[in-house]
Amino acid sequence: MKRINLNKSIFVTALVIGALVVISFSNSSKSKKVTIDYKSSVVSYFGTNSVTKADLVKQAKLIDIADRRFETKWKNKNPKGISEEYIVEGAVFMKPGVKPRLGRADIEKEFTESVKGVDRVEFYQDELEFYGEMDVAFQRCHMLGFVDTKKEHTFEGSYIILWKKENGKWLIHYDMFNSDK
C-alpha cells in the first residue's frame, strides 16, 4: 500500500470538511432542516432535534456577538484576548502561506503580529449552519481589514469557522481564511 503524505493544513481542512459531510449524511433519513434569514445571511439547522426558528435566532445572535468580541479585541490590540475566543484544547488557525497555528499560545503569537499591520477588521456572515445538539456550527463569512488612517479597507478575504460550544459559550475550533486582496 502506498503511503500519501499530506500537508498538515490540507489534512486539517479535509478533516473538517469530511466531518461536516459525515454530520450532514449520518442521519440524513431522520434529519430535520430549519432555515431562517438573519441579517444578510442564511442560518440553518441540520439534525434530528426539534429546533424552532426562535432557537436559531438566539444561537445566531450569540455567534454574532462572538464575532463582534473578536473585532473589538483586534481593535484594542489584544492578541491574548483574541486567542481566548478559541477553544481551550485543539484550536487551529490557518492562513495562507504558513503552517497551521495549533493551540491558544500559538494563536496568540500569530495575532500579536497580525494586529500590528491591521488596525481593525470587520466580519460579514454569509452562512451559518448548526448541527447535532446545536453545539457545533459552521460559519462562512467575508472580512475587511482596515488601517485607521485610510477610509478604504486595505485587504479583504473569506473565511470559514467551525464553532464549538464550551460551557455554554461559542468558541472557535477551526479558523481558516484566505486573503482575496
Protein backbone atom coordinates (compact mmCIF):
# COMPACT_ATOMS: atom_id res chain seq x y z
CA MET A 1 0.00 0.00 0.00
CA LYS A 2 1.36 3.40 -0.96
CA ARG A 3 1.52 6.00 1.84
CA ILE A 4 0.46 9.53 0.93
CA ASN A 5 1.90 12.45 2.88
CA LEU A 6 -0.48 15.37 3.05
CA ASN A 7 0.40 18.90 4.02
CA LYS A 8 -0.98 19.36 7.54
CA SER A 9 -3.24 22.28 6.57
CA ILE A 10 -4.71 20.27 3.69
CA PHE A 11 -5.24 17.35 6.05
CA VAL A 12 -6.96 19.51 8.68
CA THR A 13 -9.12 21.17 6.01
CA ALA A 14 -10.07 17.77 4.60
CA LEU A 15 -10.78 16.53 8.12
CA VAL A 16 -13.11 19.45 8.87
CA ILE A 17 -14.92 19.17 5.56
CA GLY A 18 -15.13 15.40 5.98
CA ALA A 19 -16.55 15.82 9.47
CA LEU A 20 -19.20 18.18 8.14
CA VAL A 21 -20.11 15.71 5.39
CA VAL A 22 -20.37 12.90 7.94
CA ILE A 23 -22.53 15.07 10.17
CA SER A 24 -24.71 16.02 7.21
CA PHE A 25 -25.22 12.49 5.95
CA SER A 26 -25.01 10.30 9.04
CA ASN A 27 -28.66 10.79 9.93
CA SER A 28 -29.95 12.03 6.61
CA SER A 29 -33.08 9.87 6.74
CA LYS A 30 -34.01 11.28 10.16
CA SER A 31 -32.56 14.72 9.66
CA LYS A 32 -34.60 17.86 10.10
CA LYS A 33 -33.77 21.16 8.50
CA VAL A 34 -34.86 24.56 9.74
CA THR A 35 -33.74 27.72 7.91
CA ILE A 36 -34.08 31.44 8.62
CA ASP A 37 -32.72 34.68 7.23
CA TYR A 38 -30.54 36.54 9.73
CA LYS A 39 -29.22 39.96 8.81
CA SER A 40 -27.67 39.36 5.36
CA SER A 41 -27.13 35.63 5.79
CA VAL A 42 -28.88 32.30 5.85
CA VAL A 43 -28.92 30.33 9.11
CA SER A 44 -29.82 26.64 9.12
CA TYR A 45 -30.06 23.66 11.45
CA PHE A 46 -29.37 20.13 10.28
CA GLY A 47 -30.03 17.39 12.80
CA THR A 48 -32.62 15.24 14.49
CA ASN A 49 -33.69 17.59 17.30
CA SER A 50 -36.78 19.73 17.25
CA VAL A 51 -35.41 23.22 16.73
CA THR A 52 -37.52 26.33 16.31
CA LYS A 53 -36.76 29.42 14.30
CA ALA A 54 -36.51 31.28 17.62
CA ASP A 55 -33.78 28.81 18.71
CA LEU A 56 -31.87 29.58 15.52
CA VAL A 57 -32.16 33.32 16.01
CA LYS A 58 -30.94 33.02 19.61
CA GLN A 59 -27.86 30.98 18.65
CA ALA A 60 -27.13 33.13 15.57
CA LYS A 61 -27.14 36.22 17.80
CA LEU A 62 -24.67 34.55 20.19
CA ILE A 63 -22.25 33.79 17.36
CA ASP A 64 -22.76 37.32 16.03
CA ILE A 65 -21.81 38.61 19.50
CA ALA A 66 -18.71 36.37 19.43
CA ASP A 67 -17.72 37.87 16.05
CA ARG A 68 -18.10 41.39 17.48
CA ARG A 69 -15.99 40.43 20.55
CA PHE A 70 -13.24 39.27 18.19
CA GLU A 71 -13.41 42.57 16.24
CA THR A 72 -13.24 44.60 19.47
CA LYS A 73 -10.26 42.65 20.79
CA TRP A 74 -8.49 43.19 17.47
CA LYS A 75 -9.19 46.93 17.53
CA ASN A 76 -7.91 47.05 21.13
CA LYS A 77 -4.70 45.25 20.04
CA ASN A 78 -5.41 42.39 22.44
CA PRO A 79 -3.91 39.18 20.98
CA LYS A 80 -4.31 37.27 24.26
CA GLY A 81 -8.00 38.19 24.29
CA ILE A 82 -8.32 37.10 20.66
CA SER A 83 -6.73 33.72 21.49
CA GLU A 84 -9.31 33.28 24.27
CA GLU A 85 -12.02 33.26 21.59
CA TYR A 86 -10.72 29.79 20.63
CA ILE A 87 -11.48 26.51 22.39
CA VAL A 88 -9.19 25.58 25.26
CA GLU A 89 -7.77 22.40 23.67
CA GLY A 90 -7.43 21.62 19.99
CA ALA A 91 -7.86 25.08 18.48
CA VAL A 92 -6.50 25.53 14.95
CA PHE A 93 -5.90 28.76 13.00
CA MET A 94 -4.86 28.56 9.35
CA LYS A 95 -3.91 31.34 7.00
CA PRO A 96 -2.32 31.24 3.57
CA GLY A 97 1.38 30.61 3.30
CA VAL A 98 2.15 29.49 6.85
CA LYS A 99 1.81 26.29 8.82
CA PRO A 100 -1.32 25.97 10.96
CA ARG A 101 -1.21 27.58 14.38
CA LEU A 102 -2.18 24.99 16.99
CA GLY A 103 -3.46 25.92 20.43
CA ARG A 104 -4.15 29.22 22.12
CA ALA A 105 -0.50 30.10 22.81
CA ASP A 106 0.49 29.67 19.15
CA ILE A 107 -2.64 31.56 18.02
CA GLU A 108 -1.81 34.42 20.41
CA LYS A 109 1.67 34.68 18.84
CA GLU A 110 0.11 34.84 15.37
CA PHE A 111 -2.26 37.65 16.34
CA THR A 112 0.50 39.55 18.14
CA GLU A 113 1.95 40.11 14.67
CA SER A 114 -1.37 40.48 12.82
CA VAL A 115 -2.71 43.33 14.94
CA LYS A 116 0.44 45.35 14.22
CA GLY A 117 -0.29 45.67 10.50
CA VAL A 118 -4.09 45.93 10.53
CA ASP A 119 -5.84 48.25 12.97
CA ARG A 120 -9.30 46.70 12.75
CA VAL A 121 -11.30 44.04 10.97
CA GLU A 122 -14.97 43.72 10.13
CA PHE A 123 -16.71 40.36 9.66
CA TYR A 124 -19.79 39.79 7.49
CA GLN A 125 -21.55 36.47 7.84
CA ASP A 126 -22.78 34.82 4.64
CA GLU A 127 -23.92 31.47 6.01
CA LEU A 128 -24.25 29.78 9.38
CA GLU A 129 -25.18 26.12 9.89
CA PHE A 130 -25.85 24.36 13.21
CA TYR A 131 -25.56 20.62 13.72
CA GLY A 132 -26.33 17.91 16.27
CA GLU A 133 -27.36 19.28 19.63
CA MET A 134 -26.80 22.84 18.37
CA ASP A 135 -23.35 22.66 19.95
CA VAL A 136 -21.41 22.72 16.67
CA ALA A 137 -21.73 25.35 13.93
CA PHE A 138 -20.13 26.04 10.56
CA GLN A 139 -19.82 29.70 9.50
CA ARG A 140 -18.82 31.08 6.10
CA CYS A 141 -18.01 34.80 6.06
CA HIS A 142 -16.06 37.52 4.38
CA MET A 143 -13.99 40.16 6.11
CA LEU A 144 -12.39 43.50 5.56
CA GLY A 145 -9.22 44.81 7.19
CA PHE A 146 -8.53 48.49 7.80
CA VAL A 147 -5.69 50.77 8.72
CA ASP A 148 -7.47 53.59 10.52
CA THR A 149 -5.68 56.32 8.59
CA LYS A 150 -7.34 55.05 5.40
CA LYS A 151 -11.05 55.20 4.68
CA GLU A 152 -10.98 52.18 2.36
CA HIS A 153 -10.15 48.68 3.55
CA THR A 154 -6.58 47.54 2.95
CA PHE A 155 -7.41 43.85 2.46
CA GLU A 156 -10.36 41.55 2.06
CA GLY A 157 -10.77 37.84 2.42
CA SER A 158 -13.07 34.93 3.05
CA TYR A 159 -13.06 32.53 5.93
CA ILE A 160 -14.76 29.53 7.43
CA ILE A 161 -15.02 28.81 11.10
CA LEU A 162 -16.05 25.66 12.88
CA TRP A 163 -17.58 26.79 16.17
CA LYS A 164 -17.95 24.64 19.27
CA LYS A 165 -19.99 25.44 22.32
CA GLU A 166 -17.93 25.02 25.51
CA ASN A 167 -19.55 25.64 28.88
CA GLY A 168 -22.41 27.47 27.16
CA LYS A 169 -20.11 29.81 25.19
CA TRP A 170 -19.46 29.70 21.44
CA LEU A 171 -15.72 29.42 20.79
CA ILE A 172 -13.71 28.86 17.62
CA HIS A 173 -12.44 25.34 16.98
CA TYR A 174 -11.08 25.69 13.41
CA ASP A 175 -10.46 29.05 11.73
CA MET A 176 -9.36 29.09 8.10
CA PHE A 177 -9.10 32.17 5.89
CA ASN A 178 -7.70 33.39 2.64
CA SER A 179 -6.86 36.90 1.56
CA ASP A 180 -8.53 37.82 -1.70
CA LYS A 181 -6.63 41.11 -1.99
